[in-house]
N, C-alpha and C. Protein backbone atom coordinates (compact mmCIF):
# COMPACT_ATOMS: atom_id res chain seq x y z
N UNK A 1 -175.60 -90.14 98.76
CA UNK A 1 -176.06 -88.80 99.30
C UNK A 1 -175.08 -88.22 100.28
N UNK A 2 -174.43 -89.18 101.24
CA UNK A 2 -173.53 -88.83 102.20
C UNK A 2 -172.37 -88.21 101.70
N UNK A 3 -171.84 -88.89 100.54
CA UNK A 3 -170.65 -88.33 99.94
C UNK A 3 -170.85 -86.87 99.31
N UNK A 4 -172.00 -86.64 98.80
CA UNK A 4 -172.39 -85.37 98.29
C UNK A 4 -172.45 -84.28 99.38
N UNK A 5 -172.88 -84.69 100.49
CA UNK A 5 -173.00 -83.72 101.69
C UNK A 5 -171.54 -83.52 102.09
N UNK A 6 -170.69 -84.55 102.00
CA UNK A 6 -169.25 -84.43 102.44
C UNK A 6 -168.61 -83.39 101.66
N UNK A 7 -168.76 -83.52 100.33
CA UNK A 7 -168.16 -82.71 99.25
C UNK A 7 -168.65 -81.21 99.48
N UNK A 8 -169.93 -81.10 99.77
CA UNK A 8 -170.50 -79.78 99.94
C UNK A 8 -169.93 -79.22 101.21
N UNK A 9 -169.71 -79.98 102.27
CA UNK A 9 -169.11 -79.58 103.50
C UNK A 9 -167.69 -78.90 103.24
N UNK A 10 -166.94 -79.57 102.45
CA UNK A 10 -165.54 -79.10 102.17
C UNK A 10 -165.62 -77.90 101.27
N UNK A 11 -166.47 -77.84 100.38
CA UNK A 11 -166.48 -76.61 99.49
C UNK A 11 -167.12 -75.40 100.30
N UNK A 12 -168.06 -75.70 101.08
CA UNK A 12 -168.70 -74.64 101.85
C UNK A 12 -167.57 -74.05 102.91
N UNK A 13 -166.84 -74.89 103.55
CA UNK A 13 -165.92 -74.37 104.47
C UNK A 13 -164.69 -73.70 103.61
N UNK A 14 -164.40 -74.19 102.65
CA UNK A 14 -163.24 -73.59 101.72
C UNK A 14 -163.83 -72.13 101.39
N UNK A 15 -165.07 -71.97 101.03
CA UNK A 15 -165.63 -70.71 100.59
C UNK A 15 -165.68 -69.75 101.83
N UNK A 16 -165.99 -70.35 102.99
CA UNK A 16 -166.01 -69.51 104.29
C UNK A 16 -164.66 -68.91 104.54
N UNK A 17 -163.61 -69.78 104.46
CA UNK A 17 -162.27 -69.26 104.80
C UNK A 17 -161.76 -68.26 103.70
N UNK A 18 -161.97 -68.69 102.47
CA UNK A 18 -161.52 -67.80 101.46
C UNK A 18 -162.15 -66.44 101.39
N UNK A 19 -163.48 -66.43 101.36
CA UNK A 19 -164.22 -65.13 101.25
C UNK A 19 -164.13 -64.46 102.66
N UNK A 20 -164.01 -65.13 103.69
CA UNK A 20 -163.80 -64.49 105.06
C UNK A 20 -162.46 -63.68 105.13
N UNK A 21 -161.40 -64.38 104.47
CA UNK A 21 -160.13 -63.63 104.45
C UNK A 21 -160.27 -62.41 103.53
N UNK A 22 -160.93 -62.59 102.39
CA UNK A 22 -161.06 -61.43 101.48
C UNK A 22 -161.87 -60.35 102.09
N UNK A 23 -162.84 -60.61 102.95
CA UNK A 23 -163.64 -59.65 103.60
C UNK A 23 -162.84 -58.92 104.69
N UNK A 24 -161.99 -59.66 105.42
CA UNK A 24 -161.21 -58.97 106.40
C UNK A 24 -160.00 -58.24 105.90
N UNK A 25 -159.46 -58.68 104.71
CA UNK A 25 -158.35 -57.96 104.27
C UNK A 25 -158.71 -56.88 103.11
N UNK A 26 -159.95 -56.60 102.89
CA UNK A 26 -160.35 -55.59 101.93
C UNK A 26 -160.02 -54.28 102.54
N UNK A 27 -159.71 -53.34 101.72
CA UNK A 27 -159.31 -51.98 102.21
C UNK A 27 -160.64 -51.20 102.47
N UNK A 28 -160.57 -50.15 103.21
CA UNK A 28 -161.72 -49.25 103.44
C UNK A 28 -162.35 -48.68 102.20
N UNK A 29 -161.51 -48.56 101.16
CA UNK A 29 -162.08 -47.86 100.06
C UNK A 29 -162.91 -48.90 99.19
N UNK A 30 -162.79 -50.10 99.47
CA UNK A 30 -163.56 -51.25 98.65
C UNK A 30 -164.66 -51.70 99.53
N UNK A 31 -165.62 -50.89 99.96
CA UNK A 31 -166.76 -51.33 100.75
C UNK A 31 -167.64 -52.27 100.18
N UNK A 32 -168.01 -52.14 98.95
CA UNK A 32 -168.71 -53.08 98.20
C UNK A 32 -168.24 -54.47 98.05
N UNK A 33 -166.89 -54.65 97.85
CA UNK A 33 -166.26 -55.82 97.82
C UNK A 33 -166.21 -56.51 99.16
N UNK A 34 -166.12 -55.78 100.24
CA UNK A 34 -166.02 -56.30 101.53
C UNK A 34 -167.34 -56.87 101.93
N UNK A 35 -168.42 -56.14 101.76
CA UNK A 35 -169.83 -56.63 102.01
C UNK A 35 -170.15 -57.89 101.26
N UNK A 36 -169.87 -57.95 99.88
CA UNK A 36 -170.04 -59.14 99.02
C UNK A 36 -169.35 -60.29 99.67
N UNK A 37 -168.05 -60.08 99.98
CA UNK A 37 -167.21 -61.21 100.51
C UNK A 37 -167.80 -61.59 101.91
N UNK A 38 -168.15 -60.75 102.73
CA UNK A 38 -168.69 -61.13 103.97
C UNK A 38 -170.08 -61.86 103.85
N UNK A 39 -170.85 -61.51 102.95
CA UNK A 39 -172.07 -62.24 102.66
C UNK A 39 -171.77 -63.65 102.20
N UNK A 40 -170.87 -63.80 101.24
CA UNK A 40 -170.50 -65.10 100.79
C UNK A 40 -169.82 -65.92 101.79
N UNK A 41 -169.04 -65.40 102.66
CA UNK A 41 -168.49 -66.07 103.87
C UNK A 41 -169.43 -66.64 104.78
N UNK A 42 -170.47 -65.66 105.14
CA UNK A 42 -171.54 -66.14 106.01
C UNK A 42 -172.31 -67.26 105.37
N UNK A 43 -172.67 -67.21 104.07
CA UNK A 43 -173.38 -68.30 103.48
C UNK A 43 -172.62 -69.62 103.46
N UNK A 44 -171.19 -69.41 103.23
CA UNK A 44 -170.32 -70.57 103.29
C UNK A 44 -170.32 -71.17 104.70
N UNK A 45 -170.31 -70.39 105.71
CA UNK A 45 -170.29 -70.87 107.11
C UNK A 45 -171.50 -71.53 107.45
N UNK A 46 -172.71 -70.96 107.07
CA UNK A 46 -173.98 -71.55 107.43
C UNK A 46 -174.15 -72.96 106.75
N UNK A 47 -173.85 -72.96 105.43
CA UNK A 47 -173.88 -74.27 104.65
C UNK A 47 -172.91 -75.29 105.30
N UNK A 48 -171.74 -74.86 105.65
CA UNK A 48 -170.85 -75.74 106.20
C UNK A 48 -171.18 -76.29 107.51
N UNK A 49 -171.80 -75.50 108.34
CA UNK A 49 -172.38 -76.01 109.67
C UNK A 49 -173.56 -77.02 109.45
N UNK A 50 -174.43 -76.61 108.42
CA UNK A 50 -175.50 -77.63 108.12
C UNK A 50 -175.06 -78.94 107.82
N UNK A 51 -174.00 -78.87 106.84
CA UNK A 51 -173.49 -80.10 106.28
C UNK A 51 -172.84 -80.89 107.31
N UNK A 52 -172.10 -80.24 108.19
CA UNK A 52 -171.27 -80.80 109.22
C UNK A 52 -172.18 -81.62 110.15
N UNK A 53 -173.35 -80.86 110.54
CA UNK A 53 -174.38 -81.48 111.48
C UNK A 53 -175.08 -82.73 110.82
N UNK A 54 -175.29 -82.52 109.52
CA UNK A 54 -175.85 -83.72 108.87
C UNK A 54 -174.90 -84.94 108.87
N UNK A 55 -173.59 -84.69 108.60
CA UNK A 55 -172.68 -85.76 108.69
C UNK A 55 -172.54 -86.44 110.02
N UNK A 56 -172.62 -85.57 111.14
CA UNK A 56 -172.58 -86.07 112.39
C UNK A 56 -173.81 -86.90 112.73
N UNK A 57 -175.00 -86.52 112.30
CA UNK A 57 -176.22 -87.27 112.42
C UNK A 57 -176.17 -88.61 111.76
N UNK A 58 -175.51 -88.55 110.55
CA UNK A 58 -175.48 -89.85 109.76
C UNK A 58 -174.52 -90.78 110.41
N UNK A 59 -173.32 -90.27 110.97
CA UNK A 59 -172.31 -91.21 111.51
C UNK A 59 -172.83 -91.71 112.87
N UNK A 60 -173.60 -91.01 113.63
CA UNK A 60 -174.04 -91.57 114.76
C UNK A 60 -175.34 -92.59 114.56
N UNK A 61 -176.07 -92.36 113.43
CA UNK A 61 -177.22 -93.26 113.03
C UNK A 61 -176.71 -94.61 112.58
N UNK A 62 -175.54 -94.64 111.89
CA UNK A 62 -174.97 -95.77 111.26
C UNK A 62 -174.03 -96.56 112.18
N UNK A 63 -173.67 -95.92 113.34
CA UNK A 63 -172.86 -96.58 114.25
C UNK A 63 -171.38 -96.30 114.08
N UNK A 64 -171.07 -95.44 113.20
CA UNK A 64 -169.65 -95.17 112.96
C UNK A 64 -169.03 -94.31 114.11
N UNK A 65 -169.82 -93.46 114.67
CA UNK A 65 -169.47 -92.69 115.82
C UNK A 65 -170.46 -92.93 116.99
N UNK A 66 -169.97 -92.91 118.17
CA UNK A 66 -170.85 -93.31 119.34
C UNK A 66 -171.87 -92.03 119.54
N UNK A 67 -172.98 -92.18 119.95
CA UNK A 67 -173.82 -91.08 120.10
C UNK A 67 -173.34 -90.24 121.30
N UNK A 68 -173.71 -88.93 121.31
CA UNK A 68 -173.31 -88.02 122.33
C UNK A 68 -173.88 -88.35 123.62
N UNK A 69 -173.17 -88.10 124.70
CA UNK A 69 -173.62 -88.51 126.05
C UNK A 69 -174.85 -87.75 126.41
N UNK A 70 -175.87 -88.35 126.82
CA UNK A 70 -177.15 -87.73 127.15
C UNK A 70 -177.28 -87.88 128.58
N UNK A 71 -177.81 -86.88 129.37
CA UNK A 71 -178.02 -87.01 130.79
C UNK A 71 -179.43 -87.71 130.91
N UNK A 72 -179.47 -88.66 131.81
CA UNK A 72 -180.71 -89.41 132.03
C UNK A 72 -181.42 -88.87 133.40
N UNK A 73 -182.69 -88.69 133.36
CA UNK A 73 -183.35 -88.05 134.48
C UNK A 73 -183.14 -88.77 135.83
N UNK A 74 -182.96 -88.06 136.75
CA UNK A 74 -182.91 -88.81 138.13
C UNK A 74 -184.30 -89.23 138.63
N UNK A 75 -184.27 -89.93 139.76
CA UNK A 75 -185.62 -90.31 140.31
C UNK A 75 -186.45 -89.12 140.62
N UNK A 76 -185.82 -88.09 141.17
CA UNK A 76 -186.61 -86.75 141.56
C UNK A 76 -187.23 -86.15 140.35
N UNK A 77 -186.59 -86.35 139.14
CA UNK A 77 -187.05 -85.77 137.93
C UNK A 77 -188.19 -86.45 137.22
N UNK A 78 -188.43 -87.61 137.67
CA UNK A 78 -189.52 -88.42 136.95
C UNK A 78 -190.76 -88.54 137.85
N UNK A 79 -191.84 -88.71 137.36
CA UNK A 79 -193.04 -88.80 138.16
C UNK A 79 -193.22 -90.33 138.40
N UNK A 80 -194.29 -90.67 139.11
CA UNK A 80 -194.47 -92.11 139.45
C UNK A 80 -194.79 -92.97 138.32
N UNK A 81 -195.23 -92.52 137.17
CA UNK A 81 -195.51 -93.35 136.01
C UNK A 81 -194.23 -93.52 135.14
N UNK A 82 -193.25 -92.90 135.50
CA UNK A 82 -192.02 -93.16 134.65
C UNK A 82 -191.70 -92.06 133.66
N UNK A 83 -192.71 -91.09 133.49
CA UNK A 83 -192.45 -90.12 132.48
C UNK A 83 -191.71 -88.98 133.07
N UNK A 84 -191.27 -87.94 132.28
CA UNK A 84 -190.50 -86.85 132.70
C UNK A 84 -191.38 -85.92 133.31
N UNK A 85 -190.92 -85.16 134.34
CA UNK A 85 -191.76 -84.22 135.11
C UNK A 85 -192.02 -82.99 134.23
């Protein structure tokens, strides 16, 4: 499943860059083509971000990448029972 998400990530980002270029380079007389390319670029970017975050989550869960630094609450931010304020 992870390999499928990785392939989806590559394809989605490729679509984002390709259709994004087409949307930006379309002439003013081709408004319909520009809108279609912009919608496809946005979809590719959204799917690419989703797949990227899924790959990050998997790599942190399996130990391949160290988890992101998290701030621990200070003594002032916790109550007497040890819970968060």
